[in-house]
């Protein structure tokens, strides 16, 4: 009796494995349709939001920089801007204090 139960469990596991494998197969029609939709979405984003027809055109516009490099450069500029703004405000306060003294 226990042998029959073990065999049924093994058969169920094998069936489950092959079912999961077929659902996640890269050749499945749903997966292919999903990939096509993703490609259309990316192409639309490139064209409408970034103003480029393809990746090579965007690379030219970005002067060969990667997104992480651009973000790092932007963060550096924001930090410099904050520092300059603080310095300007401190100097204005100093001028006001000198004028009132």
N, C-alpha and C. Protein backbone atom coordinates (compact mmCIF):
# COMPACT_ATOMS: atom_id res chain seq x y z
N UNK A 1 0.82 -1.20 0.00
CA UNK A 1 0.00 0.00 0.00
C UNK A 1 0.87 1.26 0.00
N UNK A 2 1.89 1.30 0.86
CA UNK A 2 2.75 2.48 0.91
C UNK A 2 3.54 2.63 -0.39
N UNK A 3 3.89 1.50 -1.02
CA UNK A 3 4.60 1.58 -2.30
C UNK A 3 3.73 2.24 -3.36
N UNK A 4 2.45 1.91 -3.36
CA UNK A 4 1.53 2.50 -4.34
C UNK A 4 1.39 3.99 -4.10
N UNK A 5 1.31 4.39 -2.84
CA UNK A 5 1.21 5.82 -2.51
C UNK A 5 2.48 6.55 -2.93
N UNK A 6 3.63 5.96 -2.67
CA UNK A 6 4.90 6.58 -3.09
C UNK A 6 4.98 6.72 -4.61
N UNK A 7 4.56 5.70 -5.34
CA UNK A 7 4.57 5.75 -6.80
C UNK A 7 3.62 6.83 -7.31
N UNK A 8 2.43 6.94 -6.70
CA UNK A 8 1.49 7.98 -7.10
C UNK A 8 2.04 9.38 -6.83
N UNK A 9 2.71 9.55 -5.69
CA UNK A 9 3.33 10.85 -5.36
C UNK A 9 4.42 11.19 -6.38
N UNK A 10 5.24 10.20 -6.72
CA UNK A 10 6.31 10.44 -7.70
C UNK A 10 5.71 10.80 -9.06
N UNK A 11 4.67 10.09 -9.47
CA UNK A 11 4.02 10.40 -10.75
C UNK A 11 3.43 11.81 -10.71
N UNK A 12 2.81 12.18 -9.59
CA UNK A 12 2.25 13.52 -9.47
C UNK A 12 3.34 14.58 -9.53
N UNK A 13 4.48 14.33 -8.88
CA UNK A 13 5.59 15.29 -8.92
C UNK A 13 6.15 15.43 -10.33
N UNK A 14 6.30 14.32 -11.03
CA UNK A 14 6.81 14.37 -12.40
C UNK A 14 5.83 15.13 -13.30
N UNK A 15 4.55 14.86 -13.14
CA UNK A 15 3.54 15.56 -13.94
C UNK A 15 3.57 17.06 -13.62
N UNK A 16 3.68 17.41 -12.35
CA UNK A 16 3.75 18.82 -11.94
C UNK A 16 4.98 19.49 -12.53
N UNK A 17 6.11 18.79 -12.47
CA UNK A 17 7.36 19.34 -13.02
C UNK A 17 7.20 19.65 -14.51
N UNK A 18 6.69 18.70 -15.29
CA UNK A 18 6.56 18.92 -16.72
C UNK A 18 5.50 19.98 -17.05
N UNK A 19 4.49 20.07 -16.23
CA UNK A 19 3.47 21.11 -16.45
C UNK A 19 4.07 22.49 -16.20
N UNK A 20 4.82 22.64 -15.12
CA UNK A 20 5.47 23.92 -14.82
C UNK A 20 6.49 24.27 -15.90
N UNK A 21 7.20 23.26 -16.34
CA UNK A 21 8.22 23.48 -17.37
C UNK A 21 7.57 23.94 -18.67
N UNK A 22 6.45 23.39 -19.01
CA UNK A 22 5.78 23.79 -20.25
C UNK A 22 5.18 25.19 -20.14
N UNK A 23 4.76 25.57 -18.92
CA UNK A 23 4.20 26.91 -18.74
C UNK A 23 5.27 27.99 -18.82
N UNK A 24 6.47 27.67 -18.38
CA UNK A 24 7.55 28.66 -18.38
C UNK A 24 8.48 28.49 -19.57
N UNK A 25 8.11 27.65 -20.51
CA UNK A 25 8.94 27.42 -21.68
C UNK A 25 9.04 28.69 -22.50
N UNK A 26 10.25 29.05 -22.96
CA UNK A 26 10.40 30.25 -23.78
C UNK A 26 9.71 30.13 -25.13
N UNK A 27 9.34 28.93 -25.51
CA UNK A 27 8.69 28.73 -26.80
C UNK A 27 7.17 28.82 -26.71
N UNK A 28 6.64 29.02 -25.51
CA UNK A 28 5.19 29.05 -25.39
C UNK A 28 4.64 30.31 -26.07
N UNK A 29 3.44 30.22 -26.67
CA UNK A 29 2.87 31.37 -27.39
C UNK A 29 2.64 32.58 -26.49
N UNK A 30 2.25 32.35 -25.23
CA UNK A 30 2.02 33.46 -24.32
C UNK A 30 3.31 34.20 -24.03
N UNK A 31 4.38 33.46 -23.84
CA UNK A 31 5.68 34.07 -23.56
C UNK A 31 6.14 34.89 -24.77
N UNK A 32 5.94 34.35 -25.96
CA UNK A 32 6.32 35.06 -27.19
C UNK A 32 5.51 36.34 -27.34
N UNK A 33 4.20 36.27 -27.08
CA UNK A 33 3.35 37.46 -27.17
C UNK A 33 3.77 38.50 -26.14
N UNK A 34 4.15 38.04 -24.95
CA UNK A 34 4.59 38.95 -23.90
C UNK A 34 5.89 39.65 -24.31
N UNK A 35 6.80 38.91 -24.92
CA UNK A 35 8.06 39.49 -25.38
C UNK A 35 7.80 40.51 -26.49
N UNK A 36 6.89 40.18 -27.40
CA UNK A 36 6.55 41.13 -28.47
C UNK A 36 5.95 42.41 -27.90
N UNK A 37 5.07 42.29 -26.92
CA UNK A 37 4.45 43.46 -26.30
C UNK A 37 5.52 44.31 -25.60
N UNK A 38 6.44 43.66 -24.92
CA UNK A 38 7.52 44.38 -24.25
C UNK A 38 8.37 45.13 -25.27
N UNK A 39 8.67 44.50 -26.38
CA UNK A 39 9.45 45.16 -27.44
C UNK A 39 8.71 46.36 -28.02
N UNK A 40 7.40 46.21 -28.23
CA UNK A 40 6.62 47.35 -28.74
C UNK A 40 6.60 48.49 -27.74
N UNK A 41 6.46 48.16 -26.46
CA UNK A 41 6.45 49.19 -25.42
C UNK A 41 7.79 49.91 -25.38
N UNK A 42 8.87 49.16 -25.45
CA UNK A 42 10.21 49.77 -25.43
C UNK A 42 10.42 50.65 -26.66
N UNK A 43 10.01 50.18 -27.82
CA UNK A 43 10.17 50.97 -29.04
C UNK A 43 9.36 52.26 -28.95
N UNK A 44 8.16 52.17 -28.41
CA UNK A 44 7.32 53.36 -28.25
C UNK A 44 7.96 54.34 -27.28
N UNK A 45 8.51 53.83 -26.19
CA UNK A 45 9.18 54.69 -25.22
C UNK A 45 10.38 55.37 -25.84
N UNK A 46 11.18 54.61 -26.58
CA UNK A 46 12.36 55.19 -27.24
C UNK A 46 11.95 56.31 -28.19
N UNK A 47 10.91 56.07 -28.95
CA UNK A 47 10.50 57.04 -29.97
C UNK A 47 9.83 58.26 -29.36
N UNK A 48 8.89 58.05 -28.45
CA UNK A 48 8.07 59.16 -27.95
C UNK A 48 8.68 59.90 -26.77
N UNK A 49 9.31 59.18 -25.85
CA UNK A 49 9.81 59.81 -24.63
C UNK A 49 11.26 60.27 -24.75
N UNK A 50 12.07 59.52 -25.47
CA UNK A 50 13.49 59.85 -25.55
C UNK A 50 13.89 60.43 -26.90
N UNK A 51 12.96 60.44 -27.84
CA UNK A 51 13.22 61.08 -29.13
C UNK A 51 14.19 60.32 -30.01
N UNK A 52 14.21 59.02 -29.93
CA UNK A 52 15.11 58.23 -30.76
C UNK A 52 14.37 57.09 -31.43
N UNK A 53 14.85 56.70 -32.59
CA UNK A 53 14.22 55.59 -33.32
C UNK A 53 14.76 54.24 -32.87
N UNK A 54 16.01 54.21 -32.41
CA UNK A 54 16.59 52.94 -31.97
C UNK A 54 17.66 53.20 -30.92
N UNK A 55 18.22 52.14 -30.40
CA UNK A 55 19.21 52.26 -29.33
C UNK A 55 20.49 52.96 -29.79
N UNK A 56 20.90 52.72 -31.02
CA UNK A 56 22.14 53.36 -31.50
C UNK A 56 21.99 54.88 -31.55
N UNK A 57 20.82 55.35 -31.97
CA UNK A 57 20.59 56.79 -32.02
C UNK A 57 20.64 57.39 -30.61
N UNK A 58 20.07 56.66 -29.65
CA UNK A 58 20.11 57.14 -28.27
C UNK A 58 21.52 57.15 -27.71
N UNK A 59 22.30 56.14 -28.06
CA UNK A 59 23.70 56.12 -27.60
C UNK A 59 24.46 57.33 -28.12
N UNK A 60 24.19 57.71 -29.37
CA UNK A 60 24.83 58.89 -29.93
C UNK A 60 24.41 60.15 -29.16
N UNK A 61 23.12 60.23 -28.84
CA UNK A 61 22.64 61.40 -28.10
C UNK A 61 23.22 61.48 -26.70
N UNK A 62 23.51 60.32 -26.11
CA UNK A 62 24.05 60.28 -24.75
C UNK A 62 25.57 60.37 -24.72
N UNK A 63 26.19 60.55 -25.88
CA UNK A 63 27.64 60.66 -26.00
C UNK A 63 28.35 59.45 -25.41
N UNK A 64 27.77 58.28 -25.56
CA UNK A 64 28.40 57.06 -25.09
C UNK A 64 28.34 56.84 -23.60
N UNK A 65 27.65 57.70 -22.87
CA UNK A 65 27.55 57.53 -21.42
C UNK A 65 26.47 56.51 -21.09
N UNK A 66 26.67 55.82 -19.98
CA UNK A 66 25.64 54.90 -19.50
C UNK A 66 24.70 55.66 -18.58
N UNK A 67 23.57 55.05 -18.29
CA UNK A 67 22.60 55.69 -17.41
C UNK A 67 23.19 55.95 -16.03
N UNK A 68 23.95 55.01 -15.51
CA UNK A 68 24.55 55.21 -14.18
C UNK A 68 25.54 56.37 -14.19
N UNK A 69 26.28 56.54 -15.28
CA UNK A 69 27.20 57.68 -15.38
C UNK A 69 26.44 59.00 -15.43
N UNK A 70 25.35 59.02 -16.17
CA UNK A 70 24.54 60.24 -16.26
C UNK A 70 23.93 60.57 -14.91
N UNK A 71 23.41 59.57 -14.21
CA UNK A 71 22.83 59.81 -12.89
C UNK A 71 23.87 60.28 -11.90
N UNK A 72 25.06 59.71 -11.94
CA UNK A 72 26.14 60.13 -11.05
C UNK A 72 26.54 61.58 -11.34
N UNK A 73 26.63 61.92 -12.62
CA UNK A 73 26.96 63.29 -13.02
C UNK A 73 25.89 64.27 -12.54
N UNK A 74 24.63 63.85 -12.66
CA UNK A 74 23.52 64.68 -12.22
C UNK A 74 23.57 64.88 -10.71
N UNK A 75 23.87 63.83 -9.98
CA UNK A 75 23.97 63.94 -8.52
C UNK A 75 25.11 64.87 -8.12
N UNK A 76 26.22 64.78 -8.83
CA UNK A 76 27.35 65.67 -8.55
C UNK A 76 26.96 67.13 -8.79
N UNK A 77 26.26 67.38 -9.89
CA UNK A 77 25.82 68.75 -10.18
C UNK A 77 24.84 69.26 -9.14
N UNK A 78 23.93 68.39 -8.68
CA UNK A 78 22.98 68.80 -7.64
C UNK A 78 23.71 69.14 -6.34
N UNK A 79 24.71 68.35 -6.01
CA UNK A 79 25.50 68.61 -4.80
C UNK A 79 26.24 69.94 -4.92
N UNK A 80 26.85 70.18 -6.07
CA UNK A 80 27.55 71.45 -6.29
C UNK A 80 26.58 72.62 -6.23
N UNK A 81 25.40 72.45 -6.80
CA UNK A 81 24.39 73.51 -6.79
C UNK A 81 23.96 73.81 -5.35
N UNK A 82 23.73 72.76 -4.56
CA UNK A 82 23.36 72.95 -3.15
C UNK A 82 24.45 73.68 -2.38
N UNK A 83 25.70 73.30 -2.63
CA UNK A 83 26.83 73.95 -1.95
C UNK A 83 26.91 75.42 -2.33
N UNK A 84 26.77 75.72 -3.61
CA UNK A 84 26.83 77.12 -4.05
C UNK A 84 25.66 77.93 -3.50
N UNK A 85 24.48 77.33 -3.43
CA UNK A 85 23.32 78.02 -2.88
C UNK A 85 23.52 78.33 -1.41
N UNK A 86 24.05 77.35 -0.65
CA UNK A 86 24.33 77.60 0.77
C UNK A 86 25.36 78.71 0.96
N UNK A 87 26.40 78.67 0.15
CA UNK A 87 27.45 79.69 0.25
C UNK A 87 26.88 81.07 -0.08
N UNK A 88 26.06 81.15 -1.11
CA UNK A 88 25.43 82.42 -1.49
C UNK A 88 24.57 82.95 -0.35
N UNK A 89 23.76 82.07 0.24
CA UNK A 89 22.89 82.50 1.34
C UNK A 89 23.71 82.97 2.55
N UNK A 90 24.79 82.26 2.84
CA UNK A 90 25.66 82.68 3.95
C UNK A 90 26.28 84.05 3.68
N UNK A 91 26.72 84.27 2.44
CA UNK A 91 27.31 85.56 2.10
C UNK A 91 26.27 86.68 2.15
N UNK A 92 25.05 86.39 1.71
CA UNK A 92 23.99 87.41 1.81
C UNK A 92 23.71 87.76 3.26
N UNK A 93 23.66 86.74 4.13
CA UNK A 93 23.45 87.00 5.56
C UNK A 93 24.58 87.83 6.15
N UNK A 94 25.81 87.54 5.71
CA UNK A 94 26.97 88.29 6.20
C UNK A 94 26.90 89.74 5.74
N UNK A 95 26.51 89.96 4.49
CA UNK A 95 26.39 91.33 3.97
C UNK A 95 25.32 92.08 4.74
N UNK A 96 24.19 91.44 5.00
CA UNK A 96 23.12 92.08 5.74
C UNK A 96 23.57 92.42 7.15
N UNK A 97 24.30 91.50 7.77
CA UNK A 97 24.77 91.78 9.14
C UNK A 97 25.80 92.90 9.16
N UNK A 98 26.63 93.00 8.11
CA UNK A 98 27.61 94.09 8.05
C UNK A 98 26.92 95.43 7.80
N UNK A 99 25.87 95.43 6.99
CA UNK A 99 25.14 96.68 6.69
C UNK A 99 24.39 97.18 7.92
N UNK A 100 23.90 96.28 8.73
CA UNK A 100 23.15 96.71 9.91
C UNK A 100 24.07 97.08 11.07
N UNK A 101 25.32 96.68 11.02
CA UNK A 101 26.23 96.96 12.13
C UNK A 101 26.78 98.34 12.12
